[in-house]
């Protein structure tokens, strides 16, 4: 019962991490599209080059912040991956000798769960 609760909680965390990663990537893509639309609108309007420059600088700053955030999320994801190896019920489980791909046919062995 406890093991299942731990696995469910870990699944919820993993699902949320993926959702955050997707949200950050979507935000970066949306800002890039916004920048392109602003540049096109500026060209269509035929106004001076400097008219939208402050806006583009602000968007560039936002993208830089999001890229840094993306890196922090990657670090968080890696840290969670390391941490799961320390949580009972989430550690990798292996059967048998890691050097053998498959036991020979008809062979019997004392199988133990290694956690």
C-alpha atoms as a PDB file:
ATOM      1  CA  UNK A   1       0.000   0.000   0.000  1.00  0.00           C
ATOM      2  CA  UNK A   2       2.728   2.483   0.970  1.00  0.00           C
ATOM      3  CA  UNK A   3       4.782   1.534  -2.089  1.00  0.00           C
ATOM      4  CA  UNK A   4       1.802   2.267  -4.340  1.00  0.00           C
ATOM      5  CA  UNK A   5       1.271   5.634  -2.640  1.00  0.00           C
ATOM      6  CA  UNK A   6       4.943   6.516  -3.216  1.00  0.00           C
ATOM      7  CA  UNK A   7       4.742   5.443  -6.854  1.00  0.00           C
ATOM      8  CA  UNK A   8       1.545   7.451  -7.385  1.00  0.00           C
ATOM      9  CA  UNK A   9       3.117  10.550  -5.828  1.00  0.00           C
ATOM     10  CA  UNK A  10       6.225  10.124  -7.993  1.00  0.00           C
ATOM     11  CA  UNK A  11       4.051   9.721 -11.086  1.00  0.00           C
ATOM     12  CA  UNK A  12       2.232  12.964 -10.208  1.00  0.00           C
ATOM     13  CA  UNK A  13       5.567  14.764  -9.838  1.00  0.00           C
ATOM     14  CA  UNK A  14       6.878  13.353 -13.124  1.00  0.00           C
ATOM     15  CA  UNK A  15       3.685  14.346 -14.932  1.00  0.00           C
ATOM     16  CA  UNK A  16       3.905  17.885 -13.546  1.00  0.00           C
ATOM     17  CA  UNK A  17       7.596  18.207 -14.477  1.00  0.00           C
ATOM     18  CA  UNK A  18       6.730  17.255 -18.071  1.00  0.00           C
ATOM     19  CA  UNK A  19       3.852  19.744 -18.106  1.00  0.00           C
ATOM     20  CA  UNK A  20       6.145  22.532 -16.861  1.00  0.00           C
ATOM     21  CA  UNK A  21       8.766  21.653 -19.492  1.00  0.00           C
ATOM     22  CA  UNK A  22       6.148  21.801 -22.230  1.00  0.00           C
ATOM     23  CA  UNK A  23       4.773  25.096 -20.908  1.00  0.00           C
ATOM     24  CA  UNK A  24       8.201  26.744 -20.894  1.00  0.00           C
ATOM     25  CA  UNK A  25       8.951  25.516 -24.426  1.00  0.00           C
ATOM     26  CA  UNK A  26       5.549  26.727 -25.624  1.00  0.00           C
ATOM     27  CA  UNK A  27       6.137  30.141 -24.050  1.00  0.00           C
ATOM     28  CA  UNK A  28       9.518  30.461 -25.787  1.00  0.00           C
ATOM     29  CA  UNK A  29       7.951  29.526 -29.136  1.00  0.00           C
ATOM     30  CA  UNK A  30       5.047  31.945 -28.632  1.00  0.00           C
ATOM     31  CA  UNK A  31       7.391  34.829 -27.838  1.00  0.00           C
ATOM     32  CA  UNK A  32       9.457  34.063 -30.936  1.00  0.00           C
ATOM     33  CA  UNK A  33       6.273  34.138 -33.018  1.00  0.00           C
ATOM     34  CA  UNK A  34       5.234  37.410 -31.374  1.00  0.00           C
ATOM     35  CA  UNK A  35       8.604  38.948 -32.214  1.00  0.00           C
ATOM     36  CA  UNK A  36       8.230  37.922 -35.856  1.00  0.00           C
ATOM     37  CA  UNK A  37       4.705  39.366 -36.039  1.00  0.00           C
ATOM     38  CA  UNK A  38       5.825  42.651 -34.503  1.00  0.00           C
ATOM     39  CA  UNK A  39       8.650  42.945 -37.040  1.00  0.00           C
ATOM     40  CA  UNK A  40       6.220  42.206 -39.909  1.00  0.00           C
ATOM     41  CA  UNK A  41       3.691  44.715 -38.560  1.00  0.00           C
ATOM     42  CA  UNK A  42       6.434  47.315 -38.277  1.00  0.00           C
ATOM     43  CA  UNK A  43       7.443  46.672 -41.904  1.00  0.00           C
ATOM     44  CA  UNK A  44       3.843  46.835 -43.147  1.00  0.00           C
ATOM     45  CA  UNK A  45       3.241  50.084 -41.255  1.00  0.00           C
ATOM     46  CA  UNK A  46       6.418  51.531 -42.734  1.00  0.00           C
ATOM     47  CA  UNK A  47       7.394  53.212 -39.486  1.00  0.00           C
ATOM     48  CA  UNK A  48      10.930  53.764 -38.314  1.00  0.00           C
ATOM     49  CA  UNK A  49      13.159  50.904 -37.292  1.00  0.00           C
ATOM     50  CA  UNK A  50      13.405  52.235 -33.736  1.00  0.00           C
ATOM     51  CA  UNK A  51       9.656  52.345 -33.169  1.00  0.00           C
ATOM     52  CA  UNK A  52       9.378  48.741 -31.996  1.00  0.00           C
ATOM     53  CA  UNK A  53      12.947  48.330 -30.795  1.00  0.00           C
ATOM     54  CA  UNK A  54      12.117  48.769 -27.069  1.00  0.00           C
ATOM     55  CA  UNK A  55       9.374  46.168 -27.423  1.00  0.00           C
ATOM     56  CA  UNK A  56      11.747  43.706 -29.090  1.00  0.00           C
ATOM     57  CA  UNK A  57      14.340  44.309 -26.380  1.00  0.00           C
ATOM     58  CA  UNK A  58      11.752  43.508 -23.717  1.00  0.00           C
ATOM     59  CA  UNK A  59      10.736  40.328 -25.516  1.00  0.00           C
ATOM     60  CA  UNK A  60      14.371  39.313 -25.946  1.00  0.00           C
ATOM     61  CA  UNK A  61      14.863  39.785 -22.214  1.00  0.00           C
ATOM     62  CA  UNK A  62      11.785  37.628 -21.559  1.00  0.00           C
ATOM     63  CA  UNK A  63      13.151  34.877 -23.825  1.00  0.00           C
ATOM     64  CA  UNK A  64      16.511  35.014 -22.069  1.00  0.00           C
ATOM     65  CA  UNK A  65      14.763  34.582 -18.727  1.00  0.00           C
ATOM     66  CA  UNK A  66      12.721  31.678 -20.047  1.00  0.00           C
ATOM     67  CA  UNK A  67      15.805  29.972 -21.454  1.00  0.00           C
ATOM     68  CA  UNK A  68      17.441  30.290 -18.027  1.00  0.00           C
ATOM     69  CA  UNK A  69      14.249  28.920 -16.468  1.00  0.00           C
ATOM     70  CA  UNK A  70      14.347  26.039 -18.946  1.00  0.00           C
ATOM     71  CA  UNK A  71      17.884  25.210 -17.808  1.00  0.00           C
ATOM     72  CA  UNK A  72      16.791  25.293 -14.174  1.00  0.00           C
ATOM     73  CA  UNK A  73      13.940  22.897 -14.968  1.00  0.00           C
ATOM     74  CA  UNK A  74      16.427  20.565 -16.682  1.00  0.00           C
ATOM     75  CA  UNK A  75      18.571  20.678 -13.519  1.00  0.00           C
ATOM     76  CA  UNK A  76      15.486  19.962 -11.408  1.00  0.00           C
ATOM     77  CA  UNK A  77      14.590  17.007 -13.637  1.00  0.00           C
ATOM     78  CA  UNK A  78      18.094  15.576 -13.258  1.00  0.00           C
ATOM     79  CA  UNK A  79      18.037  16.075  -9.491  1.00  0.00           C
ATOM     80  CA  UNK A  80      14.695  14.269  -9.261  1.00  0.00           C
ATOM     81  CA  UNK A  81      16.128  11.420 -11.316  1.00  0.00           C
ATOM     82  CA  UNK A  82      18.996  11.061  -8.834  1.00  0.00           C
ATOM     83  CA  UNK A  83      16.642  11.395  -5.857  1.00  0.00           C
ATOM     84  CA  UNK A  84      14.361   8.610  -7.065  1.00  0.00           C
ATOM     85  CA  UNK A  85      17.258   6.188  -6.577  1.00  0.00           C
ATOM     86  CA  UNK A  86      17.171   6.981  -2.867  1.00  0.00           C
ATOM     87  CA  UNK A  87      13.439   6.449  -2.372  1.00  0.00           C
ATOM     88  CA  UNK A  88      12.275   2.942  -1.488  1.00  0.00           C
ATOM     89  CA  UNK A  89       9.748   1.776  -4.036  1.00  0.00           C
ATOM     90  CA  UNK A  90      11.217   3.925  -6.813  1.00  0.00           C
ATOM     91  CA  UNK A  91      14.666   2.431  -7.111  1.00  0.00           C
ATOM     92  CA  UNK A  92      15.594   0.369 -10.152  1.00  0.00           C
ATOM     93  CA  UNK A  93      14.853  -3.298  -9.669  1.00  0.00           C
ATOM     94  CA  UNK A  94      16.982  -5.942 -11.357  1.00  0.00           C
ATOM     95  CA  UNK A  95      16.687  -9.694 -11.648  1.00  0.00           C
ATOM     96  CA  UNK A  96      19.752 -11.907 -11.815  1.00  0.00           C
ATOM     97  CA  UNK A  97      23.315 -11.207 -12.911  1.00  0.00           C
ATOM     98  CA  UNK A  98      23.774  -7.940 -14.824  1.00  0.00           C
ATOM     99  CA  UNK A  99      26.418  -9.569 -17.078  1.00  0.00           C
ATOM    100  CA  UNK A 100      24.016 -12.203 -18.410  1.00  0.00           C
ATOM    101  CA  UNK A 101      21.453 -11.253 -21.016  1.00  0.00           C
ATOM    102  CA  UNK A 102      19.392 -14.391 -20.468  1.00  0.00           C
ATOM    103  CA  UNK A 103      19.892 -17.477 -18.371  1.00  0.00           C
ATOM    104  CA  UNK A 104      20.487 -20.702 -20.330  1.00  0.00           C
ATOM    105  CA  UNK A 105      17.379 -22.767 -21.083  1.00  0.00           C
ATOM    106  CA  UNK A 106      16.464 -25.131 -18.294  1.00  0.00           C
ATOM    107  CA  UNK A 107      18.706 -23.333 -15.801  1.00  0.00           C
ATOM    108  CA  UNK A 108      17.350 -22.619 -12.361  1.00  0.00           C
ATOM    109  CA  UNK A 109      18.655 -19.860 -10.232  1.00  0.00           C
ATOM    110  CA  UNK A 110      17.944 -18.256  -6.923  1.00  0.00           C
ATOM    111  CA  UNK A 111      16.224 -15.060  -8.053  1.00  0.00           C
ATOM    112  CA  UNK A 112      16.265 -12.135  -5.691  1.00  0.00           C
ATOM    113  CA  UNK A 113      14.910  -8.638  -6.029  1.00  0.00           C
ATOM    114  CA  UNK A 114      17.760  -6.152  -5.894  1.00  0.00           C
ATOM    115  CA  UNK A 115      16.671  -2.694  -4.831  1.00  0.00           C
END
